N, C-alpha and C. Protein backbone atom coordinates (compact mmCIF):
# COMPACT_ATOMS: atom_id res chain seq x y z
N MET A 1 65.32 97.96 103.46
CA MET A 1 65.59 99.37 103.51
C MET A 1 67.06 99.60 103.17
N ALA A 2 67.35 100.52 102.25
CA ALA A 2 68.72 100.82 101.85
C ALA A 2 69.43 101.63 102.94
N ARG A 3 70.71 101.34 103.12
CA ARG A 3 71.51 102.08 104.10
C ARG A 3 71.92 103.41 103.51
N GLN A 4 71.84 104.45 104.32
CA GLN A 4 72.23 105.78 103.90
C GLN A 4 73.43 106.24 104.72
N PRO A 5 74.55 106.63 104.06
CA PRO A 5 75.68 107.13 104.83
C PRO A 5 75.35 108.50 105.42
N VAL A 6 75.89 108.77 106.58
CA VAL A 6 75.71 110.07 107.22
C VAL A 6 77.08 110.58 107.65
N PRO A 7 77.25 111.90 107.67
CA PRO A 7 78.52 112.44 108.14
C PRO A 7 78.74 112.06 109.60
N PRO A 8 79.99 111.94 110.03
CA PRO A 8 80.25 111.58 111.41
C PRO A 8 79.77 112.66 112.37
N CYS A 9 79.32 112.25 113.52
CA CYS A 9 78.90 113.18 114.57
C CYS A 9 80.14 113.49 115.39
N VAL A 10 80.66 114.69 115.22
CA VAL A 10 81.89 115.08 115.89
C VAL A 10 81.56 116.18 116.88
N GLY A 11 82.01 116.01 118.09
CA GLY A 11 81.67 116.93 119.17
C GLY A 11 82.49 118.21 119.20
N GLU A 12 82.20 119.00 120.19
CA GLU A 12 82.86 120.26 120.43
C GLU A 12 84.36 120.03 120.65
N GLY A 13 85.16 120.97 120.18
CA GLY A 13 86.60 120.86 120.34
C GLY A 13 87.28 120.09 119.23
N MET A 14 86.53 119.76 118.19
CA MET A 14 87.07 119.01 117.06
C MET A 14 86.88 119.81 115.77
N VAL A 15 87.78 119.60 114.81
CA VAL A 15 87.64 120.15 113.47
C VAL A 15 87.46 118.99 112.50
N VAL A 16 86.74 119.24 111.43
CA VAL A 16 86.49 118.20 110.43
C VAL A 16 86.93 118.72 109.07
N ARG A 17 87.63 117.89 108.36
CA ARG A 17 88.05 118.19 107.00
C ARG A 17 87.49 117.11 106.09
N ARG A 18 87.12 117.50 104.87
CA ARG A 18 86.59 116.54 103.89
C ARG A 18 87.56 116.42 102.74
N VAL A 19 87.84 115.18 102.35
CA VAL A 19 88.78 114.89 101.27
C VAL A 19 88.13 113.90 100.31
N VAL A 20 88.32 114.13 99.01
CA VAL A 20 87.84 113.20 98.01
C VAL A 20 89.04 112.69 97.22
N LEU A 21 89.18 111.37 97.17
CA LEU A 21 90.29 110.77 96.45
C LEU A 21 89.84 109.49 95.78
N ARG A 22 90.73 108.92 94.98
CA ARG A 22 90.39 107.68 94.28
C ARG A 22 90.20 106.56 95.31
N SER A 23 89.23 105.72 95.09
CA SER A 23 88.95 104.62 96.02
C SER A 23 90.18 103.75 96.32
N PRO A 24 91.02 103.43 95.32
CA PRO A 24 92.20 102.61 95.62
C PRO A 24 93.20 103.28 96.57
N ASP A 25 93.12 104.59 96.75
CA ASP A 25 94.05 105.31 97.61
C ASP A 25 93.58 105.43 99.06
N VAL A 26 92.36 105.01 99.34
CA VAL A 26 91.78 105.20 100.68
C VAL A 26 92.59 104.47 101.75
N VAL A 27 92.96 103.24 101.53
CA VAL A 27 93.68 102.47 102.54
C VAL A 27 95.03 103.12 102.85
N PHE A 28 95.74 103.56 101.81
CA PHE A 28 97.03 104.23 102.03
C PHE A 28 96.82 105.53 102.82
N PHE A 29 95.86 106.34 102.40
CA PHE A 29 95.57 107.61 103.07
C PHE A 29 95.25 107.39 104.55
N LYS A 30 94.35 106.46 104.81
CA LYS A 30 93.95 106.18 106.19
C LYS A 30 95.14 105.66 107.01
N GLY A 31 95.96 104.82 106.42
CA GLY A 31 97.13 104.30 107.12
C GLY A 31 98.11 105.39 107.51
N VAL A 32 98.35 106.34 106.61
CA VAL A 32 99.27 107.44 106.90
C VAL A 32 98.71 108.32 108.01
N VAL A 33 97.44 108.69 107.91
CA VAL A 33 96.83 109.56 108.92
C VAL A 33 96.85 108.87 110.29
N GLU A 34 96.48 107.62 110.34
CA GLU A 34 96.42 106.91 111.62
C GLU A 34 97.81 106.63 112.20
N ALA A 35 98.83 106.63 111.35
CA ALA A 35 100.20 106.41 111.82
C ALA A 35 100.82 107.68 112.41
N CYS A 36 100.17 108.78 112.27
CA CYS A 36 100.71 110.07 112.75
C CYS A 36 100.31 110.34 114.20
N GLU A 37 100.56 109.40 115.07
CA GLU A 37 100.39 109.53 116.51
C GLU A 37 99.09 110.21 116.94
N GLY A 38 97.99 109.70 116.46
CA GLY A 38 96.70 110.17 116.94
C GLY A 38 96.29 111.54 116.47
N ILE A 39 96.83 112.00 115.35
CA ILE A 39 96.48 113.33 114.86
C ILE A 39 94.99 113.42 114.51
N ALA A 40 94.43 112.35 113.96
CA ALA A 40 93.05 112.43 113.48
C ALA A 40 92.44 111.04 113.31
N ALA A 41 91.13 111.04 113.14
CA ALA A 41 90.40 109.82 112.80
C ALA A 41 89.80 110.02 111.41
N VAL A 42 89.74 108.96 110.64
CA VAL A 42 89.23 109.02 109.27
C VAL A 42 87.92 108.24 109.20
N PHE A 43 86.91 108.87 108.62
CA PHE A 43 85.61 108.25 108.43
C PHE A 43 85.29 108.25 106.95
N ALA A 44 84.86 107.11 106.41
CA ALA A 44 84.52 107.02 104.99
C ALA A 44 83.04 107.25 104.80
N GLU A 45 82.70 108.17 103.93
CA GLU A 45 81.31 108.40 103.55
C GLU A 45 80.89 107.28 102.61
N HIS A 46 81.57 107.18 101.48
CA HIS A 46 81.47 106.06 100.56
C HIS A 46 82.55 106.23 99.51
N GLY A 47 83.10 105.11 99.08
CA GLY A 47 84.19 105.17 98.10
C GLY A 47 85.34 106.00 98.61
N GLY A 48 85.70 107.01 97.84
CA GLY A 48 86.82 107.86 98.20
C GLY A 48 86.43 109.17 98.85
N GLU A 49 85.22 109.27 99.38
CA GLU A 49 84.79 110.49 100.08
C GLU A 49 85.00 110.29 101.57
N LEU A 50 85.94 111.05 102.14
CA LEU A 50 86.34 110.85 103.52
C LEU A 50 86.12 112.11 104.36
N PHE A 51 85.88 111.88 105.64
CA PHE A 51 85.88 112.95 106.64
C PHE A 51 87.04 112.66 107.57
N VAL A 52 87.80 113.69 107.90
CA VAL A 52 88.94 113.56 108.79
C VAL A 52 88.70 114.49 109.97
N ALA A 53 88.66 113.93 111.18
CA ALA A 53 88.37 114.72 112.39
C ALA A 53 89.59 114.74 113.31
N ALA A 54 89.88 115.93 113.85
CA ALA A 54 91.03 116.08 114.74
C ALA A 54 90.71 117.10 115.83
N PRO A 55 91.42 117.04 116.95
CA PRO A 55 91.24 118.05 117.98
C PRO A 55 91.64 119.43 117.46
N VAL A 56 90.96 120.47 117.92
CA VAL A 56 91.25 121.83 117.49
C VAL A 56 92.73 122.17 117.67
N GLY A 57 93.34 121.69 118.73
CA GLY A 57 94.74 121.97 119.00
C GLY A 57 95.70 121.41 117.97
N ARG A 58 95.24 120.50 117.13
CA ARG A 58 96.10 119.89 116.10
C ARG A 58 95.66 120.30 114.70
N GLN A 59 94.86 121.34 114.62
CA GLN A 59 94.30 121.79 113.35
C GLN A 59 95.37 122.16 112.32
N GLN A 60 96.36 122.93 112.70
CA GLN A 60 97.42 123.33 111.76
C GLN A 60 98.22 122.12 111.29
N GLU A 61 98.52 121.23 112.21
CA GLU A 61 99.25 120.00 111.88
C GLU A 61 98.44 119.14 110.92
N LEU A 62 97.14 119.03 111.17
CA LEU A 62 96.26 118.27 110.29
C LEU A 62 96.22 118.88 108.90
N ASP A 63 96.04 120.20 108.82
CA ASP A 63 95.97 120.86 107.51
C ASP A 63 97.26 120.66 106.72
N ALA A 64 98.41 120.75 107.39
CA ALA A 64 99.68 120.53 106.70
C ALA A 64 99.79 119.10 106.17
N LEU A 65 99.39 118.13 107.00
CA LEU A 65 99.43 116.73 106.57
C LEU A 65 98.49 116.50 105.39
N LEU A 66 97.29 117.04 105.47
CA LEU A 66 96.33 116.85 104.37
C LEU A 66 96.81 117.51 103.09
N ASP A 67 97.42 118.69 103.21
CA ASP A 67 97.96 119.35 102.01
C ASP A 67 98.99 118.46 101.33
N GLU A 68 99.88 117.86 102.10
CA GLU A 68 100.91 116.98 101.54
C GLU A 68 100.31 115.73 100.92
N LEU A 69 99.39 115.09 101.66
CA LEU A 69 98.77 113.87 101.13
C LEU A 69 97.95 114.13 99.88
N CYS A 70 97.21 115.22 99.89
CA CYS A 70 96.37 115.53 98.72
C CYS A 70 97.23 115.81 97.49
N ALA A 71 98.35 116.50 97.68
CA ALA A 71 99.25 116.76 96.55
C ALA A 71 99.83 115.45 96.02
N GLU A 72 100.24 114.57 96.92
CA GLU A 72 100.84 113.29 96.51
C GLU A 72 99.84 112.38 95.82
N LEU A 73 98.62 112.35 96.33
CA LEU A 73 97.60 111.42 95.82
C LEU A 73 96.67 112.05 94.79
N ARG A 74 96.90 113.32 94.49
CA ARG A 74 96.02 114.06 93.59
C ARG A 74 94.59 114.04 94.06
N ALA A 75 94.45 114.22 95.36
CA ALA A 75 93.13 114.25 96.00
C ALA A 75 92.64 115.69 96.07
N THR A 76 91.36 115.85 96.38
CA THR A 76 90.76 117.18 96.47
C THR A 76 90.23 117.41 97.86
N ARG A 77 90.59 118.57 98.42
CA ARG A 77 90.00 118.98 99.70
C ARG A 77 88.77 119.80 99.38
N VAL A 78 87.66 119.47 100.03
CA VAL A 78 86.41 120.18 99.77
C VAL A 78 85.89 120.82 101.06
N ASP A 79 86.78 121.01 102.02
CA ASP A 79 86.38 121.61 103.28
C ASP A 79 86.62 123.11 103.25
N GLU A 80 86.01 123.78 104.18
CA GLU A 80 86.30 125.18 104.40
C GLU A 80 87.13 125.27 105.67
N ARG A 81 88.30 125.83 105.58
CA ARG A 81 89.16 125.94 106.76
C ARG A 81 88.59 126.97 107.70
N THR A 82 88.53 126.56 108.99
CA THR A 82 87.99 127.48 109.99
C THR A 82 89.08 127.95 110.91
């Protein structure tokens, strides 16, 4: 049976952002996000398709970080900001 990726199950009080970037940039992206003192967790769908989950209280900080990283890495945000 083939494995099927599923989006992460994220509970109440969390926001999720989706980012698509080149596969070679995933390790750098994840390292930067995880180095930002627990701002978010990164989940890989497959290749360069990522989900980034953070507490609602850090939503603005997360969005600012993602905007900077996406500009630097030429990545695409495909989330709807809530």
